[in-house]
């Protein structure tokens, strides 16, 4: 099983390659609320519970 830091590092690499004009696009829906690349970055970077849920969702849809 992958460590949380490995998932975070993967996300940061992918995020860095997303063009700025696409970072406002929704990439995950958690508890019926949409999250963009930018909001996901903030949550994941701060290691919040929501950030962990977003990482899991991104892994399930194979973005990570």
PDB file of N, CA and C in Angstrom:
ATOM      1  N   UNK A   1       0.840  -1.185   0.000  1.00  0.00           N
ATOM      2  CA  UNK A   1       0.000   0.000   0.000  1.00  0.00           C
ATOM      3  C   UNK A   1       0.884   1.247   0.000  1.00  0.00           C
ATOM      4  N   UNK A   2       0.452   2.229  -0.776  1.00  0.00           N
ATOM      5  CA  UNK A   2       1.219   3.449  -0.906  1.00  0.00           C
ATOM      6  C   UNK A   2       1.071   4.337   0.318  1.00  0.00           C
ATOM      7  N   UNK A   3       2.153   4.986   0.703  1.00  0.00           N
ATOM      8  CA  UNK A   3       2.112   5.901   1.829  1.00  0.00           C
ATOM      9  C   UNK A   3       1.426   7.196   1.432  1.00  0.00           C
ATOM     10  N   UNK A   4       0.882   7.881   2.435  1.00  0.00           N
ATOM     11  CA  UNK A   4       0.195   9.153   2.199  1.00  0.00           C
ATOM     12  C   UNK A   4       1.124  10.151   1.511  1.00  0.00           C
ATOM     13  N   UNK A   5       2.380  10.208   1.933  1.00  0.00           N
ATOM     14  CA  UNK A   5       3.326  11.151   1.346  1.00  0.00           C
ATOM     15  C   UNK A   5       3.571  10.845  -0.128  1.00  0.00           C
ATOM     16  N   UNK A   6       3.576   9.562  -0.495  1.00  0.00           N
ATOM     17  CA  UNK A   6       3.761   9.206  -1.888  1.00  0.00           C
ATOM     18  C   UNK A   6       2.590   9.699  -2.727  1.00  0.00           C
ATOM     19  N   UNK A   7       1.380   9.570  -2.214  1.00  0.00           N
ATOM     20  CA  UNK A   7       0.192  10.047  -2.924  1.00  0.00           C
ATOM     21  C   UNK A   7       0.231  11.561  -3.042  1.00  0.00           C
ATOM     22  N   UNK A   8       0.627  12.220  -1.963  1.00  0.00           N
ATOM     23  CA  UNK A   8       0.716  13.677  -1.981  1.00  0.00           C
ATOM     24  C   UNK A   8       1.755  14.125  -3.008  1.00  0.00           C
ATOM     25  N   UNK A   9       2.886  13.463  -3.029  1.00  0.00           N
ATOM     26  CA  UNK A   9       3.941  13.814  -3.988  1.00  0.00           C
ATOM     27  C   UNK A   9       3.458  13.613  -5.422  1.00  0.00           C
ATOM     28  N   UNK A  10       2.729  12.535  -5.662  1.00  0.00           N
ATOM     29  CA  UNK A  10       2.166  12.304  -6.997  1.00  0.00           C
ATOM     30  C   UNK A  10       1.218  13.430  -7.373  1.00  0.00           C
ATOM     31  N   UNK A  11       0.339  13.796  -6.430  1.00  0.00           N
ATOM     32  CA  UNK A  11      -0.603  14.868  -6.697  1.00  0.00           C
ATOM     33  C   UNK A  11       0.135  16.155  -7.032  1.00  0.00           C
ATOM     34  N   UNK A  12       1.153  16.493  -6.261  1.00  0.00           N
ATOM     35  CA  UNK A  12       1.889  17.730  -6.493  1.00  0.00           C
ATOM     36  C   UNK A  12       2.572  17.735  -7.856  1.00  0.00           C
ATOM     37  N   UNK A  13       3.077  16.589  -8.290  1.00  0.00           N
ATOM     38  CA  UNK A  13       3.694  16.497  -9.626  1.00  0.00           C
ATOM     39  C   UNK A  13       2.640  16.714 -10.714  1.00  0.00           C
ATOM     40  N   UNK A  14       1.482  16.079 -10.554  1.00  0.00           N
ATOM     41  CA  UNK A  14       0.412  16.237 -11.538  1.00  0.00           C
ATOM     42  C   UNK A  14      -0.076  17.686 -11.536  1.00  0.00           C
ATOM     43  N   UNK A  15      -0.307  18.232 -10.355  1.00  0.00           N
ATOM     44  CA  UNK A  15      -0.798  19.610 -10.225  1.00  0.00           C
ATOM     45  C   UNK A  15       0.152  20.592 -10.907  1.00  0.00           C
ATOM     46  N   UNK A  16       1.438  20.398 -10.729  1.00  0.00           N
ATOM     47  CA  UNK A  16       2.431  21.298 -11.329  1.00  0.00           C
ATOM     48  C   UNK A  16       2.347  21.302 -12.853  1.00  0.00           C
ATOM     49  N   UNK A  17       1.866  20.216 -13.430  1.00  0.00           N
ATOM     50  CA  UNK A  17       1.776  20.114 -14.887  1.00  0.00           C
ATOM     51  C   UNK A  17       0.413  20.524 -15.445  1.00  0.00           C
ATOM     52  N   UNK A  18      -0.535  20.859 -14.579  1.00  0.00           N
ATOM     53  CA  UNK A  18      -1.849  21.302 -15.037  1.00  0.00           C
ATOM     54  C   UNK A  18      -1.742  22.790 -15.388  1.00  0.00           C
ATOM     55  N   UNK A  19      -2.137  23.159 -16.597  1.00  0.00           N
ATOM     56  CA  UNK A  19      -2.086  24.579 -16.972  1.00  0.00           C
ATOM     57  C   UNK A  19      -2.941  25.426 -16.018  1.00  0.00           C
ATOM     58  N   UNK A  20      -2.472  26.632 -15.730  1.00  0.00           N
ATOM     59  CA  UNK A  20      -3.176  27.491 -14.776  1.00  0.00           C
ATOM     60  C   UNK A  20      -4.625  27.735 -15.148  1.00  0.00           C
ATOM     61  N   UNK A  21      -4.919  27.825 -16.426  1.00  0.00           N
ATOM     62  CA  UNK A  21      -6.296  28.105 -16.828  1.00  0.00           C
ATOM     63  C   UNK A  21      -7.230  26.914 -16.598  1.00  0.00           C
ATOM     64  N   UNK A  22      -6.687  25.740 -16.292  1.00  0.00           N
ATOM     65  CA  UNK A  22      -7.511  24.565 -16.005  1.00  0.00           C
ATOM     66  C   UNK A  22      -7.615  24.261 -14.513  1.00  0.00           C
ATOM     67  N   UNK A  23      -6.885  24.979 -13.695  1.00  0.00           N
ATOM     68  CA  UNK A  23      -6.869  24.696 -12.254  1.00  0.00           C
ATOM     69  C   UNK A  23      -8.168  25.048 -11.553  1.00  0.00           C
ATOM     70  N   UNK A  24      -9.062  25.752 -12.226  1.00  0.00           N
ATOM     71  CA  UNK A  24     -10.378  26.049 -11.671  1.00  0.00           C
ATOM     72  C   UNK A  24     -11.395  24.976 -11.994  1.00  0.00           C
ATOM     73  N   UNK A  25     -10.992  23.974 -12.793  1.00  0.00           N
ATOM     74  CA  UNK A  25     -11.890  22.876 -13.166  1.00  0.00           C
ATOM     75  C   UNK A  25     -12.097  21.922 -11.995  1.00  0.00           C
ATOM     76  N   UNK A  26     -13.304  21.413 -11.875  1.00  0.00           N
ATOM     77  CA  UNK A  26     -13.647  20.468 -10.814  1.00  0.00           C
ATOM     78  C   UNK A  26     -12.996  19.109 -11.120  1.00  0.00           C
ATOM     79  N   UNK A  27     -12.333  18.551 -10.113  1.00  0.00           N
ATOM     80  CA  UNK A  27     -11.694  17.242 -10.314  1.00  0.00           C
ATOM     81  C   UNK A  27     -12.224  16.179  -9.360  1.00  0.00           C
ATOM     82  N   UNK A  28     -12.926  16.606  -8.309  1.00  0.00           N
ATOM     83  CA  UNK A  28     -13.444  15.626  -7.349  1.00  0.00           C
ATOM     84  C   UNK A  28     -14.713  16.168  -6.703  1.00  0.00           C
ATOM     85  N   UNK A  29     -15.613  15.244  -6.353  1.00  0.00           N
ATOM     86  CA  UNK A  29     -16.811  15.591  -5.602  1.00  0.00           C
ATOM     87  C   UNK A  29     -16.782  14.738  -4.335  1.00  0.00           C
ATOM     88  N   UNK A  30     -16.731  15.406  -3.206  1.00  0.00           N
ATOM     89  CA  UNK A  30     -16.679  14.738  -1.908  1.00  0.00           C
ATOM     90  C   UNK A  30     -17.882  15.216  -1.102  1.00  0.00           C
ATOM     91  N   UNK A  31     -18.662  14.279  -0.598  1.00  0.00           N
ATOM     92  CA  UNK A  31     -19.859  14.612   0.184  1.00  0.00           C
ATOM     93  C   UNK A  31     -20.742  15.619  -0.559  1.00  0.00           C
ATOM     94  N   UNK A  32     -20.921  15.371  -1.842  1.00  0.00           N
ATOM     95  CA  UNK A  32     -21.773  16.179  -2.726  1.00  0.00           C
ATOM     96  C   UNK A  32     -21.281  17.617  -2.931  1.00  0.00           C
ATOM     97  N   UNK A  33     -19.999  17.874  -2.627  1.00  0.00           N
ATOM     98  CA  UNK A  33     -19.420  19.203  -2.834  1.00  0.00           C
ATOM     99  C   UNK A  33     -18.272  19.082  -3.843  1.00  0.00           C
ATOM    100  N   UNK A  34     -18.246  19.972  -4.837  1.00  0.00           N
ATOM    101  CA  UNK A  34     -17.198  19.916  -5.861  1.00  0.00           C
ATOM    102  C   UNK A  34     -15.902  20.587  -5.397  1.00  0.00           C
ATOM    103  N   UNK A  35     -14.786  20.025  -5.831  1.00  0.00           N
ATOM    104  CA  UNK A  35     -13.471  20.575  -5.500  1.00  0.00           C
ATOM    105  C   UNK A  35     -12.639  20.708  -6.764  1.00  0.00           C
ATOM    106  N   UNK A  36     -12.025  21.873  -6.914  1.00  0.00           N
ATOM    107  CA  UNK A  36     -11.190  22.152  -8.085  1.00  0.00           C
ATOM    108  C   UNK A  36      -9.747  21.737  -7.796  1.00  0.00           C
ATOM    109  N   UNK A  37      -8.925  21.867  -8.816  1.00  0.00           N
ATOM    110  CA  UNK A  37      -7.493  21.604  -8.624  1.00  0.00           C
ATOM    111  C   UNK A  37      -6.954  22.497  -7.511  1.00  0.00           C
ATOM    112  N   UNK A  38      -7.338  23.781  -7.541  1.00  0.00           N
ATOM    113  CA  UNK A  38      -6.805  24.730  -6.563  1.00  0.00           C
ATOM    114  C   UNK A  38      -7.249  24.418  -5.137  1.00  0.00           C
ATOM    115  N   UNK A  39      -8.532  24.150  -4.935  1.00  0.00           N
ATOM    116  CA  UNK A  39      -8.982  23.840  -3.578  1.00  0.00           C
ATOM    117  C   UNK A  39      -8.424  22.502  -3.119  1.00  0.00           C
ATOM    118  N   UNK A  40      -8.299  21.569  -4.049  1.00  0.00           N
ATOM    119  CA  UNK A  40      -7.706  20.272  -3.707  1.00  0.00           C
ATOM    120  C   UNK A  40      -6.258  20.453  -3.273  1.00  0.00           C
ATOM    121  N   UNK A  41      -5.534  21.297  -3.994  1.00  0.00           N
ATOM    122  CA  UNK A  41      -4.138  21.574  -3.638  1.00  0.00           C
ATOM    123  C   UNK A  41      -4.037  22.089  -2.208  1.00  0.00           C
ATOM    124  N   UNK A  42      -4.882  23.053  -1.860  1.00  0.00           N
ATOM    125  CA  UNK A  42      -4.838  23.625  -0.512  1.00  0.00           C
ATOM    126  C   UNK A  42      -5.115  22.578   0.555  1.00  0.00           C
ATOM    127  N   UNK A  43      -6.134  21.766   0.339  1.00  0.00           N
ATOM    128  CA  UNK A  43      -6.496  20.744   1.323  1.00  0.00           C
ATOM    129  C   UNK A  43      -5.416  19.671   1.452  1.00  0.00           C
ATOM    130  N   UNK A  44      -4.903  19.221   0.323  1.00  0.00           N
ATOM    131  CA  UNK A  44      -3.873  18.174   0.335  1.00  0.00           C
ATOM    132  C   UNK A  44      -2.577  18.711   0.928  1.00  0.00           C
ATOM    133  N   UNK A  45      -2.211  19.916   0.569  1.00  0.00           N
ATOM    134  CA  UNK A  45      -0.983  20.521   1.075  1.00  0.00           C
ATOM    135  C   UNK A  45      -1.031  20.720   2.588  1.00  0.00           C
ATOM    136  N   UNK A  46      -2.225  21.000   3.122  1.00  0.00           N
ATOM    137  CA  UNK A  46      -2.386  21.191   4.567  1.00  0.00           C
ATOM    138  C   UNK A  46      -2.640  19.887   5.320  1.00  0.00           C
ATOM    139  N   UNK A  47      -2.635  18.768   4.604  1.00  0.00           N
ATOM    140  CA  UNK A  47      -2.832  17.445   5.217  1.00  0.00           C
ATOM    141  C   UNK A  47      -4.133  17.340   6.016  1.00  0.00           C
ATOM    142  N   UNK A  48      -5.216  17.877   5.463  1.00  0.00           N
ATOM    143  CA  UNK A  48      -6.505  17.819   6.158  1.00  0.00           C
ATOM    144  C   UNK A  48      -7.201  16.487   5.873  1.00  0.00           C
ATOM    145  N   UNK A  49      -8.219  16.218   6.653  1.00  0.00           N
ATOM    146  CA  UNK A  49      -9.029  15.009   6.425  1.00  0.00           C
ATOM    147  C   UNK A  49      -9.665  15.081   5.039  1.00  0.00           C
ATOM    148  N   UNK A  50     -10.151  16.242   4.675  1.00  0.00           N
ATOM    149  CA  UNK A  50     -10.728  16.422   3.343  1.00  0.00           C
ATOM    150  C   UNK A  50      -9.678  16.167   2.265  1.00  0.00           C
ATOM    151  N   UNK A  51      -8.464  16.621   2.499  1.00  0.00           N
ATOM    152  CA  UNK A  51      -7.375  16.370   1.555  1.00  0.00           C
ATOM    153  C   UNK A  51      -7.128  14.887   1.363  1.00  0.00           C
ATOM    154  N   UNK A  52      -7.211  14.126   2.431  1.00  0.00           N
ATOM    155  CA  UNK A  52      -7.031  12.669   2.333  1.00  0.00           C
ATOM    156  C   UNK A  52      -8.167  12.039   1.532  1.00  0.00           C
ATOM    157  N   UNK A  53      -9.388  12.552   1.719  1.00  0.00           N
ATOM    158  CA  UNK A  53     -10.530  12.035   0.953  1.00  0.00           C
ATOM    159  C   UNK A  53     -10.366  12.368  -0.535  1.00  0.00           C
ATOM    160  N   UNK A  54      -9.883  13.553  -0.819  1.00  0.00           N
ATOM    161  CA  UNK A  54      -9.667  13.953  -2.207  1.00  0.00           C
ATOM    162  C   UNK A  54      -8.603  13.064  -2.846  1.00  0.00           C
ATOM    163  N   UNK A  55      -7.509  12.814  -2.137  1.00  0.00           N
ATOM    164  CA  UNK A  55      -6.469  11.931  -2.666  1.00  0.00           C
ATOM    165  C   UNK A  55      -7.030  10.558  -2.986  1.00  0.00           C
ATOM    166  N   UNK A  56      -7.847  10.038  -2.085  1.00  0.00           N
ATOM    167  CA  UNK A  56      -8.445   8.718  -2.302  1.00  0.00           C
ATOM    168  C   UNK A  56      -9.343   8.733  -3.540  1.00  0.00           C
ATOM    169  N   UNK A  57     -10.155   9.787  -3.678  1.00  0.00           N
ATOM    170  CA  UNK A  57     -11.047   9.897  -4.834  1.00  0.00           C
ATOM    171  C   UNK A  57     -10.245   9.991  -6.134  1.00  0.00           C
ATOM    172  N   UNK A  58      -9.171  10.756  -6.129  1.00  0.00           N
ATOM    173  CA  UNK A  58      -8.341  10.908  -7.327  1.00  0.00           C
ATOM    174  C   UNK A  58      -7.652   9.594  -7.687  1.00  0.00           C
ATOM    175  N   UNK A  59      -7.305   8.840  -6.683  1.00  0.00           N
ATOM    176  CA  UNK A  59      -6.702   7.534  -6.921  1.00  0.00           C
ATOM    177  C   UNK A  59      -7.737   6.584  -7.528  1.00  0.00           C
ATOM    178  N   UNK A  60      -8.954   6.646  -7.030  1.00  0.00           N
ATOM    179  CA  UNK A  60     -10.021   5.756  -7.533  1.00  0.00           C
ATOM    180  C   UNK A  60     -10.355   6.053  -8.996  1.00  0.00           C
ATOM    181  N   UNK A  61     -10.286   7.320  -9.399  1.00  0.00           N
ATOM    182  CA  UNK A  61     -10.581   7.644 -10.796  1.00  0.00           C
ATOM    183  C   UNK A  61      -9.298   7.692 -11.646  1.00  0.00           C
ATOM    184  N   UNK A  62      -8.221   7.237 -11.056  1.00  0.00           N
ATOM    185  CA  UNK A  62      -6.936   7.044 -11.733  1.00  0.00           C
ATOM    186  C   UNK A  62      -6.285   8.312 -12.263  1.00  0.00           C
ATOM    187  N   UNK A  63      -6.531   9.421 -11.562  1.00  0.00           N
ATOM    188  CA  UNK A  63      -5.752  10.624 -11.861  1.00  0.00           C
ATOM    189  C   UNK A  63      -4.380  10.462 -11.244  1.00  0.00           C
ATOM    190  N   UNK A  64      -4.320   9.737 -10.120  1.00  0.00           N
ATOM    191  CA  UNK A  64      -3.034   9.445  -9.462  1.00  0.00           C
ATOM    192  C   UNK A  64      -2.703   7.994  -9.638  1.00  0.00           C
TER     193      UNK A  64
END
